[in-house]
Protein backbone atom coordinates (compact mmCIF):
# COMPACT_ATOMS: atom_id res chain seq x y z
CA MET A 1 105.28 -56.19 56.87
CA ARG A 2 104.00 -54.00 59.69
CA ILE A 3 105.26 -50.42 59.46
CA TYR A 4 104.72 -47.60 61.94
CA LEU A 5 105.26 -43.93 61.06
CA LEU A 6 105.57 -41.31 63.81
CA GLY A 7 105.49 -37.75 62.55
CA ASP A 8 104.45 -34.12 62.69
CA SER A 9 102.44 -31.99 60.23
CA LEU A 10 104.67 -33.18 57.38
CA SER A 11 102.97 -36.57 57.84
CA SER A 12 99.52 -35.31 58.82
CA GLY A 13 96.74 -34.82 56.30
CA SER A 14 96.14 -36.73 53.07
CA SER A 15 98.36 -34.50 50.89
CA SER A 16 101.38 -34.47 53.22
CA PRO A 17 104.58 -36.24 52.11
CA GLY A 18 104.38 -38.63 55.07
CA ALA A 19 100.79 -39.62 54.28
CA LYS A 20 101.69 -40.16 50.64
CA PHE A 21 104.74 -42.18 51.72
CA ALA A 22 102.44 -44.36 53.86
CA LYS A 23 100.12 -44.79 50.88
CA LEU A 24 103.01 -45.99 48.70
CA LEU A 25 103.99 -48.49 51.40
CA THR A 26 100.40 -49.72 51.66
CA ALA A 27 100.28 -50.16 47.87
CA GLN A 28 103.29 -52.47 48.21
CA GLY A 29 101.24 -54.67 50.55
CA HIS A 30 102.51 -53.43 53.91
CA GLU A 31 100.26 -52.80 56.89
CA VAL A 32 100.94 -49.18 57.89
CA ARG A 33 99.93 -47.17 60.93
CA VAL A 34 100.52 -43.42 60.99
CA ASN A 35 100.66 -41.40 64.20
CA ALA A 36 101.10 -37.78 63.10
CA LYS A 37 100.15 -34.51 64.74
CA VAL A 38 100.51 -30.89 63.68
CA GLY A 39 103.10 -29.05 65.76
CA ARG A 40 104.64 -32.22 67.22
CA SER A 41 108.29 -32.19 68.25
CA ALA A 42 110.23 -35.17 69.59
CA TYR A 43 110.65 -33.38 72.90
CA GLY A 44 107.00 -32.32 73.10
CA PHE A 45 105.78 -35.78 72.11
CA LEU A 46 107.36 -37.27 75.24
CA ARG A 47 106.69 -34.35 77.59
CA LEU A 48 103.24 -33.13 76.54
CA GLU A 49 101.46 -35.97 74.75
CA ASP A 50 102.01 -39.01 76.96
CA GLY A 51 104.38 -40.24 74.30
CA ALA A 52 105.71 -43.07 76.47
CA ASN A 53 102.30 -44.78 76.43
CA GLN A 54 101.87 -44.17 72.70
CA LEU A 55 105.30 -45.70 72.06
CA ALA A 56 104.50 -48.70 74.26
CA GLU A 57 101.26 -49.30 72.31
CA ALA A 58 103.08 -48.99 69.01
CA ALA A 59 105.88 -51.34 70.11
CA ALA A 60 103.30 -53.90 71.31
CA TRP A 61 101.94 -53.96 67.72
CA LYS A 62 105.44 -55.27 66.80
CA PRO A 63 106.21 -53.31 63.64
CA ALA A 64 109.07 -54.71 61.59
CA ARG A 65 110.04 -51.20 60.54
CA VAL A 66 109.49 -47.76 62.10
CA TYR A 67 109.87 -44.42 60.33
CA ILE A 68 110.37 -41.34 62.48
CA TRP A 69 109.71 -38.02 60.80
CA LEU A 70 110.19 -35.44 63.52
CA GLY A 71 112.66 -32.62 63.97
CA THR A 72 111.08 -29.67 62.16
CA ASN A 73 109.34 -28.50 65.33
CA ASP A 74 112.46 -29.26 67.39
CA ILE A 75 114.36 -26.57 65.50
CA GLY A 76 115.25 -23.83 67.96
CA LEU A 77 114.82 -26.01 71.07
CA ALA A 78 117.74 -26.93 73.33
CA ILE A 79 119.62 -29.65 71.46
CA GLY A 80 120.40 -31.80 74.54
CA PRO A 81 116.76 -32.57 75.41
CA VAL A 82 115.95 -33.04 71.71
CA THR A 83 118.73 -35.62 71.34
CA THR A 84 117.57 -37.41 74.50
CA ALA A 85 114.00 -37.49 73.18
CA MET A 86 115.13 -38.87 69.81
CA ARG A 87 117.08 -41.64 71.60
CA ARG A 88 114.08 -42.56 73.76
CA ILE A 89 111.87 -42.81 70.69
CA ARG A 90 114.42 -44.97 68.86
CA ASP A 91 114.97 -47.23 71.87
CA ALA A 92 111.22 -47.82 72.31
CA PHE A 93 111.37 -50.22 69.33
CA PRO A 94 114.12 -52.75 70.20
CA GLY A 95 112.84 -55.41 67.80
CA SER A 96 112.26 -53.04 64.86
CA GLU A 97 114.38 -51.51 62.14
CA VAL A 98 114.11 -47.79 62.98
CA TRP A 99 114.65 -45.16 60.29
CA ALA A 100 114.47 -41.38 60.61
CA PHE A 101 113.88 -38.62 58.10
CA GLY A 102 115.34 -35.23 59.02
CA PRO A 103 113.65 -31.91 58.35
CA PRO A 104 113.48 -30.77 54.71
CA ASP A 105 115.36 -27.85 53.25
CA PHE A 106 113.93 -24.39 53.94
CA PRO A 107 114.27 -21.08 52.10
CA GLU A 108 117.40 -19.25 53.27
CA TRP A 109 115.42 -16.34 54.71
CA THR A 110 113.67 -18.52 57.27
CA GLU A 111 114.78 -19.15 60.84
CA GLU A 112 114.34 -22.88 60.22
CA HIS A 113 117.05 -22.75 57.55
CA ALA A 114 119.52 -21.13 59.91
CA LEU A 115 118.93 -23.53 62.82
CA ALA A 116 118.21 -26.83 61.08
CA GLY A 117 121.85 -27.97 61.11
CA LEU A 118 121.78 -28.62 64.86
CA VAL A 119 118.73 -30.87 64.68
CA LEU A 120 120.08 -32.65 61.61
CA GLY A 121 123.36 -33.32 63.42
CA ALA A 122 121.54 -34.66 66.49
CA MET A 123 119.35 -36.93 64.36
CA LEU A 124 122.36 -38.23 62.43
CA GLY A 125 124.06 -39.10 65.72
CA VAL A 126 121.00 -40.96 67.02
CA TYR A 127 119.70 -42.73 63.92
CA GLU A 128 122.76 -43.41 61.73
CA PRO A 129 123.06 -45.66 59.70
CA ARG A 130 119.31 -45.36 59.04
CA PHE A 131 119.06 -41.59 58.89
CA VAL A 132 117.92 -39.85 55.71
CA ASN A 133 118.75 -36.16 55.47
CA LEU A 134 115.92 -34.62 53.45
CA VAL A 135 117.80 -31.38 52.76
CA PRO A 136 119.39 -32.60 49.51
CA LEU A 137 116.17 -34.36 48.52
CA THR A 138 114.14 -31.15 48.88
CA ALA A 139 116.63 -28.46 47.80
CA ASP A 140 114.79 -28.10 44.49
CA MET A 141 111.38 -28.02 46.22
CA LEU A 142 111.48 -24.64 47.99
CA GLU A 143 108.77 -22.86 46.03
CA ALA A 144 105.43 -23.39 44.30
CA PRO A 145 104.25 -25.67 42.83
CA MET A 146 106.02 -28.01 45.28
CA ARG A 147 105.95 -25.96 48.48
CA ALA A 148 103.07 -24.23 50.25
CA SER A 149 103.23 -20.48 50.78
CA ASP A 150 104.47 -20.87 54.38
CA GLY A 151 107.79 -22.28 53.08
CA VAL A 152 107.56 -25.28 55.44
CA HIS A 153 104.74 -27.51 54.20
CA PHE A 154 104.28 -29.12 50.81
CA THR A 155 101.54 -28.95 48.22
CA ALA A 156 99.87 -32.18 47.07
CA ALA A 157 102.26 -32.30 44.10
CA GLY A 158 105.24 -31.69 46.38
CA GLY A 159 104.04 -34.31 48.83
CA THR A 160 103.74 -36.89 46.06
CA GLU A 161 107.21 -36.15 44.69
CA LEU A 162 108.89 -36.14 48.10
CA ALA A 163 107.19 -39.42 49.04
CA LYS A 164 108.71 -41.04 45.94
CA ARG A 165 112.15 -39.68 46.84
CA MET A 166 111.75 -40.93 50.42
CA MET A 167 110.90 -44.42 49.12
CA LYS A 168 114.15 -44.49 47.12
CA ALA A 169 116.19 -43.23 50.05
CA ALA A 170 114.61 -45.62 52.57
CA SER A 171 115.09 -48.60 50.29
CA GLY A 172 118.78 -48.36 51.09
CA GLY A 173 119.77 -46.49 47.96
CA GLY A 174 123.48 -45.87 48.50
CA PHE A 175 123.53 -42.75 46.32
CA TRP A 176 120.80 -41.01 48.33
CA ARG A 177 122.44 -41.93 51.64
CA MET A 178 125.86 -40.73 50.42
CA LEU A 179 124.35 -37.48 49.16
CA SER A 180 122.62 -37.06 52.52
CA GLY A 181 125.89 -37.39 54.43
CA VAL A 182 127.78 -35.00 52.15
CA ALA A 183 125.05 -32.37 52.42
CA LEU A 184 124.94 -32.65 56.20
CA GLY A 185 128.72 -32.30 56.44
CA ALA A 186 128.60 -29.20 54.25
CA MET A 187 125.85 -27.66 56.41
CA VAL A 188 127.77 -28.27 59.63
CA TRP A 189 130.90 -26.72 58.10
CA TYR A 190 128.96 -23.71 56.77
CA PHE A 191 127.17 -22.90 60.04
CA PHE A 192 129.90 -23.70 62.56
CA PHE A 193 133.38 -23.61 61.04
CA ARG A 194 133.56 -21.02 58.28
């Protein structure tokens, strides 16, 4: 099966979770292409990187499945343009099964932790039923030896473990998807309705 992964720094570099996820897919016999860039946001991909042409090239390759792992660098941006960008990326692959992984959990003292709920909600609205909220999958991976000192990126060990968890979640595991939805609902309640 042809699989295309579009991501940011969490998929860039050989020790990143996205790169390790791609490696696991390749080991299963899939043909995988990764397009990842440090600092990439969904909005910036379309506005600053000639994303429309990159998406057209990727769609012409005719992947059976597409994994989108963006959102971390969209945190703090205006949610309307982010949602529009996510929709445009999804819609660029009409013949493919498109999945999305949301941003991971962040330590509570970070700005990302406080603002991630908006991006997660937007991604859920665009990609459901194939959206995987990584917050519950990474809640126990906030510190060393799983997380890098910046609190955002993962160590090689963390990347390997998260890639395994992503494989389970993307294989349609009902438990992981249910847990994802419950965690997202709790975050929305906590940040907006308490």
